[in-house]
Amino acid sequence: MLERCNYDASCAQEYDDRAHPIRVLDAAARIVREGKEKHDSWDLGVEYYRGPGHVGKNRGWRYLHDVKRWRAGIQSQTELDKAARDFEERNGYPFETYKSRWHEMNSSNWELQEYRAANKLARR
């Protein structure tokens, strides 16, 4: 699918919802919320996302720990700068250029407005 679309994510999403970031985030959020409601804890909701059978078990705890560590990393400017340098070393061009091209290529904002409108209708 990705090769057929020349690695263009906006093309790939036409073939598979897993390539659509808004739909993926929405599904993940719904699963975490379901876990939170079942276990009365956001942390356990994250473990539930990893797998309902993993909640409260060592495997689920490790996943939660990794999520929290990742979250702290993306909230740190030092870590973001480090990731940008790593990207530039691996790819040979500035991360800012990549971000600009990505936004140009996906100027539709992944159809977020249409998605919101469709979900408002579905919830009624």
C-alpha atoms as a PDB file:
ATOM      1  CA  MET A   1       0.000   0.000   0.000  1.00  0.00           C
ATOM      2  CA  LEU A   2       2.722   2.490   0.948  1.00  0.00           C
ATOM      3  CA  GLU A   3       4.777   1.682  -2.134  1.00  0.00           C
ATOM      4  CA  ARG A   4       1.691   2.052  -4.340  1.00  0.00           C
ATOM      5  CA  CYS A   5       1.169   5.498  -2.780  1.00  0.00           C
ATOM      6  CA  ASN A   6       4.846   6.442  -3.068  1.00  0.00           C
ATOM      7  CA  TYR A   7       4.913   6.691   0.760  1.00  0.00           C
ATOM      8  CA  ASP A   8       2.337   9.477   0.749  1.00  0.00           C
ATOM      9  CA  ALA A   9       0.312   9.048   3.954  1.00  0.00           C
ATOM     10  CA  SER A  10      -2.655  11.019   2.612  1.00  0.00           C
ATOM     11  CA  CYS A  11      -2.916   8.508  -0.253  1.00  0.00           C
ATOM     12  CA  ALA A  12      -2.440   5.486   2.042  1.00  0.00           C
ATOM     13  CA  GLN A  13      -5.324   6.555   4.274  1.00  0.00           C
ATOM     14  CA  GLU A  14      -7.691   6.011   1.352  1.00  0.00           C
ATOM     15  CA  TYR A  15      -6.862   2.297   1.498  1.00  0.00           C
ATOM     16  CA  ASP A  16      -6.493   1.710   5.234  1.00  0.00           C
ATOM     17  CA  ASP A  17      -7.766   3.663   8.258  1.00  0.00           C
ATOM     18  CA  ARG A  18      -4.591   2.748  10.148  1.00  0.00           C
ATOM     19  CA  ALA A  19      -2.771   5.295   7.965  1.00  0.00           C
ATOM     20  CA  HIS A  20      -5.149   8.083   9.035  1.00  0.00           C
ATOM     21  CA  PRO A  21      -3.697   9.784  12.150  1.00  0.00           C
ATOM     22  CA  ILE A  22      -6.997  11.312  13.310  1.00  0.00           C
ATOM     23  CA  ARG A  23      -8.825   7.980  13.175  1.00  0.00           C
ATOM     24  CA  VAL A  24      -5.941   6.169  14.883  1.00  0.00           C
ATOM     25  CA  LEU A  25      -5.801   8.736  17.707  1.00  0.00           C
ATOM     26  CA  ASP A  26      -9.563   8.660  18.091  1.00  0.00           C
ATOM     27  CA  ALA A  27      -9.603   4.867  18.373  1.00  0.00           C
ATOM     28  CA  ALA A  28      -6.721   4.889  20.876  1.00  0.00           C
ATOM     29  CA  ALA A  29      -8.434   7.544  22.999  1.00  0.00           C
ATOM     30  CA  ARG A  30     -11.674   5.567  23.030  1.00  0.00           C
ATOM     31  CA  ILE A  31      -9.855   2.420  24.166  1.00  0.00           C
ATOM     32  CA  VAL A  32      -7.990   4.265  26.946  1.00  0.00           C
ATOM     33  CA  ARG A  33     -11.249   5.885  28.092  1.00  0.00           C
ATOM     34  CA  GLU A  34     -12.980   2.493  28.126  1.00  0.00           C
ATOM     35  CA  GLY A  35     -10.160   1.128  30.286  1.00  0.00           C
ATOM     36  CA  LYS A  36     -10.377   4.130  32.598  1.00  0.00           C
ATOM     37  CA  GLU A  37     -14.102   3.595  33.022  1.00  0.00           C
ATOM     38  CA  LYS A  38     -13.664  -0.130  33.742  1.00  0.00           C
ATOM     39  CA  HIS A  39     -10.755   0.301  36.163  1.00  0.00           C
ATOM     40  CA  ASP A  40     -11.386   3.834  37.518  1.00  0.00           C
ATOM     41  CA  SER A  41      -7.845   5.016  36.709  1.00  0.00           C
ATOM     42  CA  TRP A  42      -6.225   6.717  33.727  1.00  0.00           C
ATOM     43  CA  ASP A  43      -3.023   4.763  34.355  1.00  0.00           C
ATOM     44  CA  LEU A  44      -4.972   1.511  34.209  1.00  0.00           C
ATOM     45  CA  GLY A  45      -6.715   2.854  31.102  1.00  0.00           C
ATOM     46  CA  VAL A  46      -3.303   3.085  29.421  1.00  0.00           C
ATOM     47  CA  GLU A  47      -2.543  -0.470  30.524  1.00  0.00           C
ATOM     48  CA  TYR A  48      -5.921  -1.506  29.108  1.00  0.00           C
ATOM     49  CA  TYR A  49      -4.898  -0.008  25.763  1.00  0.00           C
ATOM     50  CA  ARG A  50      -1.847  -2.292  25.790  1.00  0.00           C
ATOM     51  CA  GLY A  51      -4.199  -5.209  26.207  1.00  0.00           C
ATOM     52  CA  PRO A  52      -7.249  -5.751  28.410  1.00  0.00           C
ATOM     53  CA  GLY A  53      -5.695  -8.938  29.776  1.00  0.00           C
ATOM     54  CA  HIS A  54      -2.546  -7.054  30.808  1.00  0.00           C
ATOM     55  CA  VAL A  55      -4.145  -4.653  33.293  1.00  0.00           C
ATOM     56  CA  GLY A  56      -2.498  -4.873  36.687  1.00  0.00           C
ATOM     57  CA  LYS A  57       0.112  -7.339  35.472  1.00  0.00           C
ATOM     58  CA  ASN A  58       3.800  -6.665  35.129  1.00  0.00           C
ATOM     59  CA  ARG A  59       3.590  -6.461  31.314  1.00  0.00           C
ATOM     60  CA  GLY A  60       0.987  -3.715  31.481  1.00  0.00           C
ATOM     61  CA  TRP A  61       2.960  -1.786  34.106  1.00  0.00           C
ATOM     62  CA  ARG A  62       6.066  -1.761  31.927  1.00  0.00           C
ATOM     63  CA  TYR A  63       4.057  -0.389  29.008  1.00  0.00           C
ATOM     64  CA  LEU A  64       2.636   2.361  31.246  1.00  0.00           C
ATOM     65  CA  HIS A  65       6.159   3.193  32.436  1.00  0.00           C
ATOM     66  CA  ASP A  66       7.359   3.445  28.817  1.00  0.00           C
ATOM     67  CA  VAL A  67       4.421   5.707  27.883  1.00  0.00           C
ATOM     68  CA  LYS A  68       5.137   8.052  30.795  1.00  0.00           C
ATOM     69  CA  ARG A  69       8.856   8.156  29.954  1.00  0.00           C
ATOM     70  CA  TRP A  70       8.044   8.922  26.300  1.00  0.00           C
ATOM     71  CA  ARG A  71       5.590  11.650  27.356  1.00  0.00           C
ATOM     72  CA  ALA A  72       8.222  13.287  29.559  1.00  0.00           C
ATOM     73  CA  GLY A  73      10.675  13.125  26.667  1.00  0.00           C
ATOM     74  CA  ILE A  74       8.437  14.908  24.187  1.00  0.00           C
ATOM     75  CA  GLN A  75       7.647  17.589  26.740  1.00  0.00           C
ATOM     76  CA  SER A  76      11.337  18.395  27.159  1.00  0.00           C
ATOM     77  CA  GLN A  77      12.861  20.895  24.717  1.00  0.00           C
ATOM     78  CA  THR A  78      16.248  19.243  25.246  1.00  0.00           C
ATOM     79  CA  GLU A  79      14.850  15.886  24.117  1.00  0.00           C
ATOM     80  CA  LEU A  80      13.060  17.477  21.152  1.00  0.00           C
ATOM     81  CA  ASP A  81      16.299  19.159  20.073  1.00  0.00           C
ATOM     82  CA  LYS A  82      18.147  15.865  20.459  1.00  0.00           C
ATOM     83  CA  ALA A  83      15.539  14.089  18.307  1.00  0.00           C
ATOM     84  CA  ALA A  84      15.807  16.802  15.637  1.00  0.00           C
ATOM     85  CA  ARG A  85      19.609  16.431  15.523  1.00  0.00           C
ATOM     86  CA  ASP A  86      19.263  12.664  15.259  1.00  0.00           C
ATOM     87  CA  PHE A  87      16.774  13.070  12.393  1.00  0.00           C
ATOM     88  CA  GLU A  88      19.125  15.431  10.567  1.00  0.00           C
ATOM     89  CA  GLU A  89      22.093  13.087  10.966  1.00  0.00           C
ATOM     90  CA  ARG A  90      20.113  10.126   9.657  1.00  0.00           C
ATOM     91  CA  ASN A  91      18.389  11.906   6.778  1.00  0.00           C
ATOM     92  CA  GLY A  92      20.824  14.601   5.692  1.00  0.00           C
ATOM     93  CA  TYR A  93      18.443  17.547   5.749  1.00  0.00           C
ATOM     94  CA  PRO A  94      16.951  19.864   8.383  1.00  0.00           C
ATOM     95  CA  PHE A  95      14.079  18.632  10.499  1.00  0.00           C
ATOM     96  CA  GLU A  96      12.317  21.981  10.067  1.00  0.00           C
ATOM     97  CA  THR A  97      12.367  21.466   6.287  1.00  0.00           C
ATOM     98  CA  TYR A  98      10.849  18.036   6.748  1.00  0.00           C
ATOM     99  CA  LYS A  99       8.090  19.434   8.985  1.00  0.00           C
ATOM    100  CA  SER A 100       7.312  22.204   6.486  1.00  0.00           C
ATOM    101  CA  ARG A 101       7.077  19.742   3.594  1.00  0.00           C
ATOM    102  CA  TRP A 102       4.932  17.401   5.677  1.00  0.00           C
ATOM    103  CA  HIS A 103       2.485  20.201   6.479  1.00  0.00           C
ATOM    104  CA  GLU A 104       2.366  21.298   2.837  1.00  0.00           C
ATOM    105  CA  MET A 105       1.691  17.747   1.708  1.00  0.00           C
ATOM    106  CA  ASN A 106      -1.040  17.321   4.308  1.00  0.00           C
ATOM    107  CA  SER A 107      -2.579  20.762   4.200  1.00  0.00           C
ATOM    108  CA  SER A 108      -6.076  19.328   4.667  1.00  0.00           C
ATOM    109  CA  ASN A 109      -5.329  18.853   8.402  1.00  0.00           C
ATOM    110  CA  TRP A 110      -6.260  15.198   7.828  1.00  0.00           C
ATOM    111  CA  GLU A 111      -9.885  16.252   7.288  1.00  0.00           C
ATOM    112  CA  LEU A 112     -10.280  16.946  11.010  1.00  0.00           C
ATOM    113  CA  GLN A 113     -13.281  19.248  10.520  1.00  0.00           C
ATOM    114  CA  GLU A 114     -15.129  16.647   8.449  1.00  0.00           C
ATOM    115  CA  TYR A 115     -14.281  13.965  11.013  1.00  0.00           C
ATOM    116  CA  ARG A 116     -15.585  16.084  13.873  1.00  0.00           C
ATOM    117  CA  ALA A 117     -18.805  16.806  11.999  1.00  0.00           C
ATOM    118  CA  ALA A 118     -19.342  13.123  11.165  1.00  0.00           C
ATOM    119  CA  ASN A 119     -18.749  12.067  14.772  1.00  0.00           C
ATOM    120  CA  LYS A 120     -21.154  14.680  16.118  1.00  0.00           C
ATOM    121  CA  LEU A 121     -23.857  13.196  13.911  1.00  0.00           C
ATOM    122  CA  ALA A 122     -22.938   9.651  14.944  1.00  0.00           C
ATOM    123  CA  ARG A 123     -23.200  10.450  18.665  1.00  0.00           C
ATOM    124  CA  ARG A 124     -26.771  11.715  18.441  1.00  0.00           C
END
